[in-house]
Amino acid sequence: MTDDSSTRRPRQSRKKHTMTHLILVGAVYMDTILTVPRFPEEDSKLRATDVQVRRGGNVGNTLEVLAQFQASPAAAVRGLQVCLVACLPEAKSPATTKILRSFGPYHDGTEEHDDSRVARSGGKGTERKPTRSVIDHARCLFRQGHEQPASSYILRSAETGSRTIVNHNPLPEMTPEEFEGIAEGFAASCGEGHRFWWHFEGRIPETTLRCIRHLREKMPGCTISVEVEKPGRDGLAELAAEADVVFYSRSWAQHRGYHTPEACLRAEAASSKASLMCCTWGEDGAGAYAPTSGEYVHRRVATTTTSGSNISVVE
């Protein structure tokens, strides 16, 4: 047999795999939603017509939508990993277990995945193939000594459609130093070809600003987006000025004197370096503006009914 190695075609190098990490930083709440005929008077008793308990908060709502896209085969091909960074109760607490299970199958710190344990039937064991959660929550901060999650109690009036929300968050907030450790962990565990998009709730602007500036220094190629939601909260404008993508709320825009999403976005673009700006407007939908091209689009939307008011579906 003759050696034909000289005529063999050289092996073509495979295209380098690219993984995109979409990392959401914020708070996850457990919502108790009471539907009542009307808003109750002080010191009165009123029977609710419906009660729902479910995960909420802006980050929770956003993850709910992203998880649906991530579960599709197309997302797997693109190499997208959605990650959660949030403060939660103790890792083994019932509240944390309930929250993490709400995102789908997950690893609870034991040797097995919950959904890969042996299912007993008729005395015979049938082992199911392990499945992987579409949400990576390995870098959440589990607060020792805390059993209760951040919670929202929502009164939804059938008479007027209003929502009255009472929040309670007993968990210590994430510090800039804790975030820096998380960011460095991502950078150390991911090699070349990985891209990062960090999304922040504008909950504590001074802390968030330090986190953004750390990313600009240590991970200069990443994309950063922020939510500008609560009216009158100091520091939100400074966050918007630092971000690549900004999401404004209707209440914040109206507090600033804007009457339409387009008016808000075009005016705020003057003080922002963002390449994309969005503004939600409740039942009237949402607008998006690209400052570089000057293009503005408006679409109607369907919204969630939880403590966060994130957009769920764009028509």
Protein backbone atom coordinates (compact mmCIF):
# COMPACT_ATOMS: atom_id res chain seq x y z
CA MET A 1 0.00 0.00 0.00
CA THR A 2 1.44 3.31 -1.01
CA ASP A 3 1.53 6.32 1.28
CA ASP A 4 -0.76 9.00 -0.15
CA SER A 5 -0.29 11.43 2.71
CA SER A 6 1.18 13.96 0.34
CA THR A 7 -2.10 14.09 -1.60
CA ARG A 8 -4.37 14.38 1.39
CA ARG A 9 -6.25 17.62 1.87
CA PRO A 10 -5.22 19.60 4.91
CA ARG A 11 -7.76 19.44 7.72
CA GLN A 12 -9.84 22.57 7.86
CA SER A 13 -9.92 24.30 11.21
CA ARG A 14 -13.29 24.34 12.91
CA LYS A 15 -14.98 27.65 13.50
CA LYS A 16 -14.41 28.83 17.03
CA HIS A 17 -17.49 28.35 19.21
CA THR A 18 -19.06 31.55 20.45
CA MET A 19 -21.06 31.61 23.68
CA THR A 20 -23.12 34.63 24.59
CA HIS A 21 -23.87 35.13 28.28
CA LEU A 22 -26.91 37.28 29.02
CA ILE A 23 -26.61 38.11 32.73
CA LEU A 24 -29.50 39.71 34.60
CA VAL A 25 -28.73 41.46 37.87
CA GLY A 26 -31.62 42.37 40.17
CA ALA A 27 -34.15 41.08 42.67
CA VAL A 28 -36.48 38.09 42.42
CA TYR A 29 -39.74 38.36 44.36
CA MET A 30 -42.48 36.01 45.40
CA ASP A 31 -45.77 37.73 44.55
CA THR A 32 -49.09 37.19 46.27
CA ILE A 33 -51.79 38.68 44.04
CA LEU A 34 -55.23 39.27 45.55
CA THR A 35 -58.04 40.18 43.18
CA VAL A 36 -60.67 42.17 45.07
CA PRO A 37 -63.98 43.76 43.95
CA ARG A 38 -62.72 47.22 44.93
CA PHE A 39 -59.88 48.76 46.86
CA PRO A 40 -60.65 48.26 50.57
CA GLU A 41 -61.26 51.09 52.97
CA GLU A 42 -58.91 51.44 55.95
CA ASP A 43 -59.73 49.13 58.88
CA SER A 44 -62.27 47.15 56.84
CA LYS A 45 -62.70 43.53 55.78
CA LEU A 46 -63.03 42.44 52.17
CA ARG A 47 -63.24 39.01 50.55
CA ALA A 48 -60.87 38.36 47.64
CA THR A 49 -62.28 36.72 44.51
CA ASP A 50 -58.97 35.18 43.44
CA VAL A 51 -55.50 34.52 44.88
CA GLN A 52 -52.32 33.76 42.93
CA VAL A 53 -48.83 33.14 44.30
CA ARG A 54 -46.00 33.22 41.80
CA ARG A 55 -42.50 34.46 41.14
CA GLY A 56 -42.23 38.10 40.13
CA GLY A 57 -40.04 41.16 40.10
CA ASN A 58 -38.58 42.75 36.98
CA VAL A 59 -35.74 40.24 36.67
CA GLY A 60 -38.10 37.34 37.33
CA ASN A 61 -40.49 38.51 34.64
CA THR A 62 -37.71 39.07 32.13
CA LEU A 63 -36.28 35.62 32.79
CA GLU A 64 -39.71 34.08 32.27
CA VAL A 65 -39.79 35.43 28.74
CA LEU A 66 -36.13 34.72 27.95
CA ALA A 67 -36.45 31.15 29.17
CA GLN A 68 -39.09 30.51 26.52
CA PHE A 69 -36.71 31.67 23.80
CA GLN A 70 -33.78 29.84 25.34
CA ALA A 71 -35.72 26.56 25.42
CA SER A 72 -36.06 26.63 21.63
CA PRO A 73 -33.54 24.72 19.46
CA ALA A 74 -32.60 27.94 17.69
CA ALA A 75 -31.29 29.47 20.91
CA ALA A 76 -29.14 26.41 21.57
CA VAL A 77 -27.57 26.77 18.15
CA ARG A 78 -26.75 30.40 18.81
CA GLY A 79 -24.99 29.44 22.02
CA LEU A 80 -26.98 31.67 24.38
CA GLN A 81 -26.76 31.17 28.14
CA VAL A 82 -29.11 33.20 30.35
CA CYS A 83 -27.75 33.82 33.84
CA LEU A 84 -29.29 35.18 37.03
CA VAL A 85 -27.44 37.20 39.67
CA ALA A 86 -29.71 37.93 42.63
CA CYS A 87 -29.76 37.78 46.41
CA LEU A 88 -31.81 34.82 47.65
CA PRO A 89 -32.47 33.18 51.03
CA GLU A 90 -30.36 30.25 52.22
CA ALA A 91 -29.67 27.75 49.44
CA LYS A 92 -31.59 24.94 51.19
CA SER A 93 -34.54 27.06 52.29
CA PRO A 94 -38.01 26.18 50.97
CA ALA A 95 -38.35 29.68 49.50
CA THR A 96 -35.16 29.39 47.44
CA THR A 97 -36.10 25.92 46.28
CA LYS A 98 -39.49 27.19 45.12
CA ILE A 99 -37.98 30.16 43.29
CA LEU A 100 -35.32 28.15 41.49
CA ARG A 101 -37.73 25.35 40.59
CA SER A 102 -39.98 27.94 38.97
CA PHE A 103 -37.30 28.43 36.31
CA GLY A 104 -37.32 24.73 35.42
CA PRO A 105 -34.95 21.82 36.27
CA TYR A 106 -32.00 22.82 38.40
CA HIS A 107 -29.13 21.43 40.46
CA ASP A 108 -29.80 21.80 44.18
CA GLY A 109 -26.25 21.25 45.42
CA THR A 110 -26.62 17.49 45.93
CA GLU A 111 -24.97 14.82 43.82
CA GLU A 112 -27.94 14.50 41.48
CA HIS A 113 -30.25 16.73 39.56
CA ASP A 114 -33.78 16.60 40.92
CA ASP A 115 -35.12 15.50 37.57
CA SER A 116 -32.54 12.73 37.12
CA ARG A 117 -33.36 10.78 40.27
CA VAL A 118 -34.77 7.31 39.99
CA ALA A 119 -38.55 7.27 39.55
CA ARG A 120 -40.01 4.28 41.41
CA SER A 121 -42.84 2.38 39.78
CA GLY A 122 -43.92 -1.12 40.72
CA GLY A 123 -40.75 -1.72 42.67
CA LYS A 124 -38.54 -1.07 39.62
CA GLY A 125 -36.40 1.96 39.08
CA THR A 126 -36.32 3.85 35.82
CA GLU A 127 -33.60 6.46 35.58
CA ARG A 128 -34.54 9.51 33.56
CA LYS A 129 -32.00 11.39 31.52
CA PRO A 130 -30.71 14.49 33.35
CA THR A 131 -31.89 17.80 31.94
CA ARG A 132 -30.27 21.18 32.35
CA SER A 133 -31.99 24.36 33.39
CA VAL A 134 -32.12 27.06 30.74
CA ILE A 135 -31.35 29.56 33.52
CA ASP A 136 -27.91 29.52 35.12
CA HIS A 137 -28.26 30.62 38.77
CA ALA A 138 -24.93 29.31 40.05
CA ARG A 139 -23.72 32.83 40.85
CA CYS A 140 -26.67 33.95 42.96
CA LEU A 141 -25.88 35.17 46.47
CA PHE A 142 -27.52 32.92 49.07
CA ARG A 143 -27.93 34.82 52.34
CA GLN A 144 -27.21 32.64 55.36
CA GLY A 145 -29.61 33.03 58.26
CA HIS A 146 -32.44 34.22 56.01
CA GLU A 147 -35.37 31.95 55.22
CA GLN A 148 -37.83 34.43 53.70
CA PRO A 149 -37.54 35.84 50.16
CA ALA A 150 -38.22 39.30 48.88
CA SER A 151 -42.01 39.48 48.68
CA SER A 152 -44.74 41.59 47.11
CA TYR A 153 -48.39 41.71 48.12
CA ILE A 154 -50.55 43.03 45.30
CA LEU A 155 -54.17 44.18 45.53
CA ARG A 156 -55.76 44.19 42.10
CA SER A 157 -59.08 46.05 41.97
CA ALA A 158 -61.70 44.62 39.62
CA GLU A 159 -63.57 47.93 39.82
CA THR A 160 -60.82 50.18 38.49
CA GLY A 161 -58.08 47.79 37.31
CA SER A 162 -55.58 49.44 39.66
CA ARG A 163 -52.75 47.56 41.35
CA THR A 164 -51.58 48.50 44.85
CA ILE A 165 -48.27 46.92 45.80
CA VAL A 166 -46.63 46.45 49.20
CA ASN A 167 -43.03 45.19 49.05
CA HIS A 168 -40.86 43.61 51.72
CA ASN A 169 -37.24 42.58 51.19
CA PRO A 170 -35.42 41.23 54.27
CA LEU A 171 -32.32 40.16 52.32
CA PRO A 172 -29.05 42.13 52.48
CA GLU A 173 -28.39 43.81 49.13
CA MET A 174 -25.45 42.87 46.94
CA THR A 175 -22.34 44.97 47.56
CA PRO A 176 -20.02 46.28 44.82
CA GLU A 177 -17.29 44.01 46.15
CA GLU A 178 -19.54 40.96 45.81
CA PHE A 179 -20.39 41.94 42.25
CA GLU A 180 -16.73 42.39 41.35
CA GLY A 181 -16.07 38.83 42.51
CA ILE A 182 -18.94 37.54 40.39
CA ALA A 183 -17.77 39.43 37.29
CA GLU A 184 -14.22 38.20 37.74
CA GLY A 185 -15.55 34.67 38.09
CA PHE A 186 -17.29 34.93 34.74
CA ALA A 187 -14.15 36.30 33.10
CA ALA A 188 -11.94 33.58 34.58
CA SER A 189 -14.22 30.67 33.69
CA CYS A 190 -14.90 31.72 30.10
CA GLY A 191 -12.24 31.64 27.42
CA GLU A 192 -11.94 33.42 24.11
CA GLY A 193 -15.02 33.67 21.95
CA HIS A 194 -17.38 34.43 24.83
CA ARG A 195 -19.52 37.54 24.76
CA PHE A 196 -21.28 39.15 27.70
CA TRP A 197 -24.42 41.27 28.02
CA TRP A 198 -25.05 42.55 31.54
CA HIS A 199 -28.55 43.84 32.34
CA PHE A 200 -29.21 45.79 35.55
CA GLU A 201 -32.33 46.84 37.36
CA GLY A 202 -31.93 50.43 38.50
CA ARG A 203 -32.71 49.51 42.09
CA ILE A 204 -29.73 51.01 43.93
CA PRO A 205 -28.13 53.47 41.49
CA GLU A 206 -24.96 54.17 43.46
CA THR A 207 -24.14 50.45 43.68
CA THR A 208 -25.15 49.79 40.09
CA LEU A 209 -22.98 52.64 38.83
CA ARG A 210 -19.94 51.15 40.55
CA CYS A 211 -20.74 47.78 39.00
CA ILE A 212 -21.00 49.29 35.52
CA ARG A 213 -17.72 51.16 35.87
CA HIS A 214 -16.03 47.96 37.04
CA LEU A 215 -17.26 46.19 33.90
CA ARG A 216 -16.06 49.03 31.68
CA GLU A 217 -12.59 48.64 33.17
CA LYS A 218 -12.31 44.86 33.41
CA MET A 219 -14.60 43.67 30.57
CA PRO A 220 -14.54 46.57 28.09
CA GLY A 221 -16.08 44.56 25.26
CA CYS A 222 -19.31 43.71 27.08
CA THR A 223 -22.75 45.22 26.44
CA ILE A 224 -24.54 46.89 29.35
CA SER A 225 -28.25 47.68 29.66
CA VAL A 226 -30.18 49.29 32.52
CA GLU A 227 -33.78 49.88 33.58
CA VAL A 228 -34.80 53.42 34.50
CA GLU A 229 -38.14 52.93 36.20
CA LYS A 230 -38.93 54.55 39.53
CA PRO A 231 -39.82 58.28 39.36
CA GLY A 232 -37.79 60.56 41.56
CA ARG A 233 -35.07 58.03 42.35
CA ASP A 234 -31.74 59.84 42.38
CA GLY A 235 -28.98 58.50 40.16
CA LEU A 236 -31.05 56.86 37.41
CA ALA A 237 -30.12 59.47 34.82
CA GLU A 238 -26.45 58.81 35.55
CA LEU A 239 -27.00 55.09 34.94
CA ALA A 240 -28.69 55.79 31.61
CA ALA A 241 -25.74 57.91 30.56
CA GLU A 242 -23.36 54.97 31.10
CA ALA A 243 -25.35 52.19 29.41
CA ASP A 244 -25.36 50.86 25.85
CA VAL A 245 -29.10 50.06 26.00
CA VAL A 246 -31.67 51.82 28.21
CA PHE A 247 -35.24 50.85 29.14
CA TYR A 248 -37.38 53.72 30.47
CA SER A 249 -40.73 53.31 32.23
CA ARG A 250 -43.83 55.37 31.51
CA SER A 251 -44.02 56.61 35.10
CA TRP A 252 -40.41 57.85 34.98
CA ALA A 253 -40.95 59.55 31.63
CA GLN A 254 -44.13 61.29 32.77
CA HIS A 255 -42.42 62.42 35.96
CA ARG A 256 -39.85 64.12 33.71
CA GLY A 257 -42.64 65.87 31.78
CA TYR A 258 -42.82 63.66 28.67
CA HIS A 259 -46.21 62.79 27.19
CA THR A 260 -45.16 60.13 24.68
CA PRO A 261 -42.42 57.48 24.46
CA GLU A 262 -40.95 59.18 21.41
CA ALA A 263 -40.65 62.54 23.18
CA CYS A 264 -38.87 60.86 26.09
CA LEU A 265 -36.40 58.92 23.97
CA ARG A 266 -35.44 61.71 21.62
CA ALA A 267 -34.89 64.14 24.49
CA GLU A 268 -32.94 61.71 26.70
CA ALA A 269 -30.69 60.67 23.81
CA ALA A 270 -28.86 63.97 24.14
CA SER A 271 -27.38 62.89 27.49
CA SER A 272 -26.82 59.20 26.71
CA LYS A 273 -24.32 57.24 24.66
CA ALA A 274 -26.76 54.34 24.23
CA SER A 275 -27.15 52.79 20.79
CA LEU A 276 -30.70 51.65 21.59
CA MET A 277 -33.31 53.25 23.85
CA CYS A 278 -36.75 51.86 24.72
CA CYS A 279 -39.71 53.28 26.63
CA THR A 280 -42.74 51.30 27.79
CA TRP A 281 -46.14 53.01 27.80
CA GLY A 282 -48.58 50.60 29.44
CA GLU A 283 -51.62 49.69 27.36
CA ASP A 284 -50.34 51.96 24.58
CA GLY A 285 -47.34 49.74 23.94
CA ALA A 286 -43.69 50.72 23.75
CA GLY A 287 -41.32 52.73 21.60
CA ALA A 288 -37.72 52.09 20.54
CA TYR A 289 -35.24 54.65 19.26
CA ALA A 290 -31.81 54.29 17.65
CA PRO A 291 -29.97 57.59 18.18
CA THR A 292 -27.35 56.89 15.52
CA SER A 293 -29.87 56.49 12.68
CA GLY A 294 -32.67 58.54 14.21
CA GLU A 295 -35.12 55.71 13.54
CA TYR A 296 -38.10 55.38 15.89
CA VAL A 297 -40.63 52.52 16.00
CA HIS A 298 -43.71 51.94 18.17
CA ARG A 299 -45.50 48.67 18.87
CA ARG A 300 -48.40 47.53 21.03
CA VAL A 301 -47.67 44.99 23.76
CA ALA A 302 -49.20 42.59 26.26
CA THR A 303 -47.94 43.06 29.82
CA THR A 304 -47.57 40.79 32.84
CA THR A 305 -49.50 41.22 36.09
CA THR A 306 -46.79 40.94 38.73
CA SER A 307 -44.86 43.37 40.87
CA GLY A 308 -42.61 44.18 37.89
CA SER A 309 -44.18 45.72 34.81
CA ASN A 310 -41.96 44.20 32.16
CA ILE A 311 -43.22 43.67 28.63
CA SER A 312 -44.01 40.04 27.85
CA VAL A 313 -45.13 39.99 24.22
CA VAL A 314 -44.59 42.51 21.44
CA GLU A 315 -47.29 42.33 18.77
